[in-house]
Every structure is written in C-alpha cells, then in structure tokens.
Protein backbone atom coordinates (compact mmCIF):
# COMPACT_ATOMS: atom_id res chain seq x y z
CA MET A 1 8.56 3.55 13.39
CA SER A 2 5.17 3.87 11.76
CA VAL A 3 2.47 2.42 13.99
CA TYR A 4 -1.29 2.57 13.73
CA SER A 5 -4.16 1.54 15.94
CA PRO A 6 -6.64 -1.16 14.88
CA ASP A 7 -9.45 1.07 16.12
CA ASN A 8 -8.28 4.37 14.65
CA PRO A 9 -7.46 3.95 10.96
CA VAL A 10 -6.37 6.98 8.97
CA ASP A 11 -9.13 8.45 6.78
CA GLY A 12 -11.70 5.86 7.80
CA PHE A 13 -11.43 2.60 5.85
CA PHE A 14 -8.25 3.53 3.97
CA GLY A 15 -5.67 6.28 4.20
CA ALA A 16 -5.01 8.75 1.42
CA GLU A 17 -1.57 7.52 0.34
CA HIS A 18 -0.90 5.32 -2.67
CA TYR A 19 2.23 3.25 -3.24
CA PRO A 20 3.45 1.32 -6.30
CA ASP A 21 3.43 -2.44 -5.90
CA ASN A 22 6.75 -4.15 -5.16
CA THR A 23 6.16 -7.51 -3.56
CA SER A 24 9.76 -8.66 -3.88
CA GLY A 25 11.69 -5.53 -2.89
CA VAL A 26 14.12 -5.55 0.00
CA VAL A 27 13.08 -3.26 2.85
CA GLU A 28 16.01 -1.16 4.04
CA THR A 29 16.62 -1.30 7.78
CA ASP A 30 19.61 -0.87 10.05
CA ASN A 31 21.29 -4.18 10.88
CA SER A 32 20.52 -3.68 14.58
CA GLU A 33 16.83 -3.39 13.70
CA SER A 34 16.69 -6.63 11.72
CA GLU A 35 19.64 -8.83 12.72
CA ALA A 36 17.41 -11.56 14.17
CA VAL A 37 15.15 -11.68 11.09
CA PRO A 38 16.02 -14.29 8.41
CA ASP A 39 16.62 -13.01 4.87
CA TRP A 40 13.65 -14.91 3.41
CA ILE A 41 11.41 -12.68 5.54
CA LYS A 42 13.22 -9.40 4.86
CA THR A 43 13.44 -9.79 1.09
CA ASN A 44 9.73 -10.25 0.37
CA ARG A 45 7.20 -7.80 1.78
CA VAL A 46 4.36 -10.34 1.47
CA ALA A 47 6.42 -12.74 3.59
CA THR A 48 7.20 -9.90 6.01
CA PHE A 49 3.52 -9.08 6.45
CA TRP A 50 2.60 -12.78 6.68
CA VAL A 51 5.21 -13.51 9.39
CA TRP A 52 4.25 -10.43 11.40
CA TRP A 53 0.57 -11.40 11.19
CA PHE A 54 1.55 -14.94 12.21
CA ILE A 55 3.38 -13.93 15.39
CA PHE A 56 0.62 -11.45 16.23
CA HIS A 57 -1.89 -14.32 16.38
CA VAL A 58 0.17 -17.45 17.09
CA PRO A 59 -0.85 -19.24 20.33
CA ASP A 60 1.61 -20.27 23.02
CA ASN A 61 1.28 -23.97 22.29
CA PHE A 62 2.92 -23.29 18.92
CA THR A 63 5.79 -21.18 20.25
CA ARG A 64 6.24 -23.52 23.25
CA VAL A 65 6.50 -20.70 25.75
CA PRO A 66 7.25 -22.22 29.21
CA LEU A 67 4.10 -22.71 31.25
CA SER A 68 5.57 -20.97 34.30
CA TRP A 69 6.25 -17.81 32.27
CA GLU A 70 2.86 -18.02 30.59
CA GLN A 71 0.99 -18.31 33.90
CA SER A 72 2.60 -15.13 35.19
CA GLN A 73 1.04 -13.14 32.36
CA ASN A 74 -2.54 -12.16 31.61
CA GLU A 75 -2.54 -11.78 27.82
CA SER A 76 -3.40 -14.40 25.22
CA ASN A 77 -0.08 -14.87 23.43
CA LEU A 78 3.56 -13.80 23.43
CA TYR A 79 3.10 -10.82 21.09
CA THR A 80 0.36 -9.18 23.13
CA ARG A 81 2.23 -9.82 26.37
CA LEU A 82 5.33 -8.16 24.97
CA PHE A 83 3.86 -5.31 22.96
CA GLY A 84 0.15 -5.02 23.69
CA TYR A 85 -2.74 -5.03 21.25
CA TYR A 86 -2.02 -1.60 19.81
CA SER A 87 1.56 -2.07 18.64
CA LEU A 88 0.56 -2.63 15.04
CA PRO A 89 3.22 -1.57 12.51
CA GLY A 90 1.90 0.40 9.54
CA ASP A 91 4.62 -0.22 6.94
CA ASP A 92 7.19 -2.80 5.81
CA LYS A 93 10.16 -1.46 7.77
CA SER A 94 8.15 -1.22 10.98
CA ARG A 95 7.00 -4.82 10.60
CA ILE A 96 10.58 -6.03 10.27
CA ILE A 97 11.59 -4.05 13.36
CA MET A 98 8.68 -5.56 15.30
CA ILE A 99 9.50 -9.10 14.14
CA ASN A 100 13.12 -8.52 15.17
CA LYS A 101 12.09 -7.35 18.64
CA TRP A 102 9.72 -10.30 19.02
CA LEU A 103 12.43 -12.82 18.08
CA GLN A 104 14.93 -11.21 20.45
CA GLU A 105 12.46 -11.43 23.33
CA TYR A 106 11.45 -14.96 22.33
CA ARG A 107 15.09 -16.05 22.59
CA LYS A 108 15.19 -14.78 26.17
CA ILE A 109 12.25 -17.01 27.12
CA VAL A 110 13.09 -20.27 25.33
CA ASP A 111 16.32 -22.00 24.34
CA ALA A 112 18.13 -21.51 21.02
CA LEU A 113 17.00 -24.89 19.69
CA THR A 114 13.33 -24.00 20.20
CA VAL A 115 13.80 -20.72 18.33
CA SER A 116 15.57 -22.52 15.49
CA GLU A 117 12.81 -25.13 15.25
CA PHE A 118 10.14 -22.42 15.30
CA LEU A 119 11.80 -20.53 12.43
CA SER A 120 12.25 -23.77 10.47
CA THR A 121 8.57 -24.59 10.89
CA LEU A 122 7.62 -21.06 9.89
CA ARG A 123 9.80 -21.28 6.78
CA PHE A 124 8.25 -24.64 5.90
CA LEU A 125 4.71 -23.27 6.19
CA TRP A 126 5.65 -20.23 4.13
CA SER A 127 7.03 -22.50 1.39
CA TYR A 128 3.40 -23.56 0.87
CA ALA A 129 1.79 -20.20 1.60
CA GLU A 130 3.88 -18.53 -1.11
CA LYS A 131 2.48 -21.00 -3.66
CA VAL A 132 -0.91 -19.31 -3.35
CA ASN A 133 -1.78 -17.09 -6.33
CA PRO A 134 -0.01 -13.68 -5.92
CA MET A 135 -3.12 -11.82 -7.18
CA LYS A 136 -1.16 -9.57 -9.54
CA TRP A 137 -4.42 -9.05 -11.43
CA LEU A 138 -5.82 -6.95 -8.55
CA ASP A 139 -5.69 -3.29 -9.56
CA HIS A 140 -4.12 -0.68 -7.25
CA GLN A 141 -7.07 1.71 -7.37
CA ARG A 142 -8.99 2.13 -4.13
CA ILE A 143 -12.33 1.02 -5.57
CA HIS A 144 -10.79 -2.29 -6.66
CA ILE A 145 -9.01 -2.89 -3.36
CA LYS A 146 -12.19 -2.10 -1.45
CA TRP A 147 -14.12 -4.58 -3.59
CA ALA A 148 -11.52 -7.31 -2.89
CA TRP A 149 -11.59 -6.53 0.83
CA GLU A 150 -15.38 -6.80 0.94
CA TYR A 151 -15.36 -9.99 -1.14
CA LEU A 152 -12.96 -11.75 1.23
CA SER A 153 -14.84 -10.41 4.24
CA ARG A 154 -17.94 -12.17 2.92
CA HIS A 155 -15.91 -15.36 2.51
CA ASP A 156 -13.98 -15.25 5.80
CA SER A 157 -14.78 -18.91 6.52
CA ASP A 158 -12.71 -19.80 3.44
CA LEU A 159 -9.80 -17.87 4.93
CA CYS A 160 -9.93 -19.54 8.33
CA MET A 161 -11.00 -23.16 7.78
CA HIS A 162 -8.39 -25.75 8.71
CA ASN A 163 -7.88 -29.22 10.11
CA SER A 164 -8.72 -28.61 13.78
CA GLY A 165 -11.87 -26.58 13.16
CA ASN A 166 -10.82 -23.92 15.67
CA ILE A 167 -10.77 -20.45 14.10
CA HIS A 168 -10.44 -18.54 17.38
CA TYR A 169 -7.22 -16.80 16.44
CA CYS A 170 -7.69 -16.59 12.69
CA PRO A 171 -7.40 -12.98 11.42
CA VAL A 172 -10.58 -11.62 9.85
CA LEU A 173 -10.34 -8.66 7.49
CA PRO A 174 -13.32 -6.66 8.85
CA ASN A 175 -11.49 -6.41 12.20
CA PHE A 176 -8.22 -5.27 10.64
CA LYS A 177 -7.83 -1.57 9.84
CA THR A 178 -5.15 -0.44 7.40
CA CYS A 179 -3.65 3.03 7.14
CA ASN A 180 -3.45 3.40 3.34
CA ASP A 181 -4.32 1.75 0.02
CA ARG A 182 -1.03 -0.10 -0.33
CA GLU A 183 -1.41 -1.64 3.12
CA ALA A 184 -5.00 -2.62 2.35
CA ARG A 185 -3.99 -4.35 -0.89
CA LEU A 186 -1.16 -6.13 0.90
CA ALA A 187 -3.55 -7.27 3.64
CA VAL A 188 -5.84 -8.73 0.99
CA ILE A 189 -2.96 -10.68 -0.59
CA VAL A 190 -1.74 -11.95 2.78
CA SER A 191 -5.20 -12.83 4.11
CA VAL A 192 -5.67 -15.68 1.62
CA ARG A 193 -2.51 -17.23 3.11
CA CYS A 194 -3.76 -17.07 6.68
CA VAL A 195 -5.06 -20.65 6.60
CA PHE A 196 -1.47 -21.71 7.21
CA PHE A 197 -1.46 -19.94 10.58
CA ASN A 198 -3.71 -22.63 12.01
CA ILE A 199 -1.47 -25.62 11.41
CA LEU A 200 -0.08 -27.08 14.62
CA PRO A 201 3.45 -28.55 14.42
CA SER A 202 2.16 -31.98 15.45
CA THR A 203 -0.38 -32.07 12.60
CA ILE A 204 1.71 -30.81 9.68
CA GLU A 205 1.23 -33.05 6.66
CA HIS A 206 2.46 -32.35 3.14
CA GLN A 207 -0.76 -33.49 1.50
CA HIS A 208 -2.88 -31.34 3.79
CA LEU A 209 -0.75 -28.30 2.97
CA LYS A 210 -1.01 -29.04 -0.75
CA ASP A 211 -4.78 -29.29 -0.39
CA LEU A 212 -4.85 -25.91 1.34
CA VAL A 213 -2.88 -24.33 -1.50
CA GLN A 214 -5.29 -25.80 -4.03
CA ARG A 215 -8.32 -24.68 -2.06
CA GLN A 216 -7.06 -21.12 -1.70
CA ASN A 217 -6.21 -20.94 -5.38
CA ASP A 218 -9.74 -22.12 -6.17
CA LEU A 219 -11.04 -19.31 -3.95
CA ILE A 220 -8.87 -16.77 -5.76
CA ARG A 221 -9.97 -18.08 -9.16
CA ARG A 222 -13.62 -17.58 -8.20
CA MET A 223 -12.73 -14.17 -6.81
CA LYS A 224 -10.95 -13.18 -10.03
CA ASN A 225 -13.95 -14.24 -12.11
CA SER A 226 -16.26 -12.09 -9.98
CA TYR A 227 -13.78 -9.23 -10.15
CA GLN A 228 -13.61 -9.35 -13.93
CA LYS A 229 -17.39 -9.44 -14.23
CA MET A 230 -17.65 -6.45 -11.92
CA PHE A 231 -15.07 -4.21 -13.61
CA ARG A 232 -14.74 -5.41 -17.22
CA HIS A 233 -17.63 -3.35 -18.63
CA GLU A 234 -16.60 -0.31 -16.62
CA LYS A 235 -13.12 -0.34 -18.17
CA VAL A 236 -14.38 -0.99 -21.71
CA ASP A 237 -17.01 1.75 -21.48
CA ARG A 238 -14.46 4.21 -20.12
CA ARG A 239 -12.00 3.52 -22.94
CA VAL A 240 -14.70 3.82 -25.61
CA GLN A 241 -16.03 7.09 -24.23
CA ILE A 242 -12.59 8.68 -23.90
CA SER A 243 -11.48 7.48 -27.35
CA ALA A 244 -14.59 8.93 -28.95
CA LEU A 245 -14.31 12.33 -27.29
CA ILE A 246 -10.65 13.34 -27.44
CA SER A 247 -7.77 13.31 -29.92
CA PRO A 248 -4.97 10.70 -29.79
CA GLU A 249 -2.52 13.36 -28.57
CA ALA A 250 -4.84 14.42 -25.73
CA ARG A 251 -5.51 10.79 -24.88
CA ASN A 252 -1.77 10.08 -24.51
CA ILE A 253 -1.35 13.10 -22.23
CA LEU A 254 -4.36 11.99 -20.21
CA ARG A 255 -2.88 8.52 -19.82
CA LYS A 256 0.43 9.97 -18.56
CA MET A 257 -1.37 12.29 -16.12
CA ALA A 258 -3.38 9.38 -14.73
CA LYS A 259 -0.28 7.25 -14.27
CA LYS A 260 1.73 10.06 -12.66
CA ASN A 261 -1.03 10.89 -10.16
CA ASN A 262 -2.15 7.30 -9.48
CA LEU A 263 -5.67 8.09 -10.66
CA THR A 264 -7.95 6.68 -13.33
CA GLN A 265 -8.34 8.60 -16.57
CA ALA A 266 -11.96 9.28 -15.63
CA GLU A 267 -10.84 10.79 -12.30
CA ILE A 268 -8.35 13.05 -14.11
CA LEU A 269 -11.09 14.20 -16.49
CA ASP A 270 -13.39 14.93 -13.55
CA LYS A 271 -10.74 17.11 -11.90
CA LEU A 272 -9.91 18.93 -15.14
CA ILE A 273 -13.56 19.65 -15.90
CA LEU A 274 -14.30 20.88 -12.38
CA SER A 275 -11.18 23.05 -12.37
CA ALA A 276 -12.00 24.49 -15.80
CA ASP A 277 -15.57 25.11 -14.70
CA ARG A 278 -14.42 27.24 -11.77
CA LEU A 279 -12.14 29.31 -14.04
CA PHE A 280 -14.90 29.69 -16.61
CA MET A 281 -17.35 30.83 -13.95
CA GLN A 282 -14.88 33.45 -12.72
CA LYS A 283 -14.42 34.87 -16.21
CA THR A 284 -18.08 34.84 -17.22
CA THR A 285 -19.62 35.42 -13.76
CA GLY A 286 -21.76 32.39 -14.38
CA ASP A 287 -23.12 33.36 -17.82
CA TYR A 288 -22.73 30.20 -19.91
CA SER A 289 -24.33 31.88 -22.96
CA ARG A 290 -21.19 33.87 -23.78
C-alpha cells in the first residue's frame, strides 16, 4: 500500500510522477480489501478521495462513537485513534483499502444501524458535493496545478465556511502534502467539496446544501477566470512562436513528443536544444564559428 507522510512529501511540493486524468475509473482492488466500501465510492476516484478525507477529519459527534470508548482514547477522532496521523494513503487503491479498514473497525464499535445511517448520510452529502464543477479545464501540467493550489490556499476561508462557523477540522491545502502531480490535482478538485464535511446530521437542509453548491461553483468560476487570464497569453504566444519557427511536419512531431512525455512543447524544445548544444560542443570543442 502506498503511504506518504504529511510532513515528508516526495520531491518537495510535488513528486516527479505524472498520471493521465481518469476521474470515473474503477480502482482495482481485491474483494477482501474493499468489501466494506460501497460501489459509489469505489467507482469514482474523486468520491474515493473525498470520502477518505472525510473520515480523516470527521469528529466523533458525527460518527456517534460511544462516549465510553471515546474517553478511553487520547486522539481527536476515530481515524487518528485507529491509524495515527501518518497513515495517509498516496494513491487511489490505498485510499480504498484505508476506507475499508476504517469501516470494518467502525462496525466493531457501533451497531449495524449506525453504520448504515452514517453511510446513507455520507452518500446524501456526496450527492451535493458531486454537483460542484469538476474543473476539467484545469491543465495537468505542474505549473497549472501549482497555481490552482496557491489560489485555493489564498481562499481557504471559502473552502471551510459553513453553517456552524467552526472550521477547526476543515482541511486546508497548505497543510496537505501530496506525493505527485496527479495527487495534487486531485486534492485541488476535492478541496472545493470540503465544505460538505462540516454539515452535522442534525442541521442538514436541502436548501443550505444547494446554496453551498452554488457558492462553490461561484468560487470556481472566479478561479477559472483568473486562471484563463494568467495562462491565455502564455499559450497563444507559445503557439505563435513555434508556428513561426518550424515546419508543419516538425510541429506535428513536436506535438506528439510533448503528449507522449507529458511535457509542454516549449519544454520539449528546451530539452532538444540543450541536448543538441552538448553534442555540438563535443564536435566543435566549443567553436561556434565553424
């Protein structure tokens, strides 16, 4: 199982790996590793991440853990008592395994009806959380993901605000370290749905949930506008420069190379030029006049 520490991310802010987006793909796990996890969680990796993040932060008054069991422990919620703060899964399969373990342990503490009601409430909240804009417009390149991360970090109050005014256990992106670009992009997409973590069962109202969806979509619309202003000219300039300098055949090859290596066309050109420069220097011993 892939696990990473919140204090020791790979390669600093992000890791070096890059994955294609697939927000609706089924994550393959052994039945024993996921038998307690409902299909609606397993068949959508955004839902998987959202549910894992939910149980990582959810307080005991939501899960209705018996007071006698709670008093015998020192940690803040069921997840940290069971697994500790550093059991943070670093990929989709690991999250499903962790959710499965959590549900199995939860069933040992409370009765079957309580578990069923908890999952029903979770499914109900997700039915609203999934209505939030999926952010398909967000590019997969690291510079774009980093921009989105920083944007939401500056607007963390928009991610955490809710009816009770208590944001004590609301996840905040600056405190969450991901192990690669794909995980970072997924965390961005899930973070705008975190407002639904803070809804207590006794205060769930359809209109309030609808208002939260609208508010988060307004946030994403403003974010998209800022994103387009930031990167529109960069993309146009890059296309114009490349089109002016190379032939259509070379441009098509460049496009394929960029796609295959998950790099921008400009990054491919940089690598080709630097590589060619080293070969040229070896042949000419540094004499560029030849």
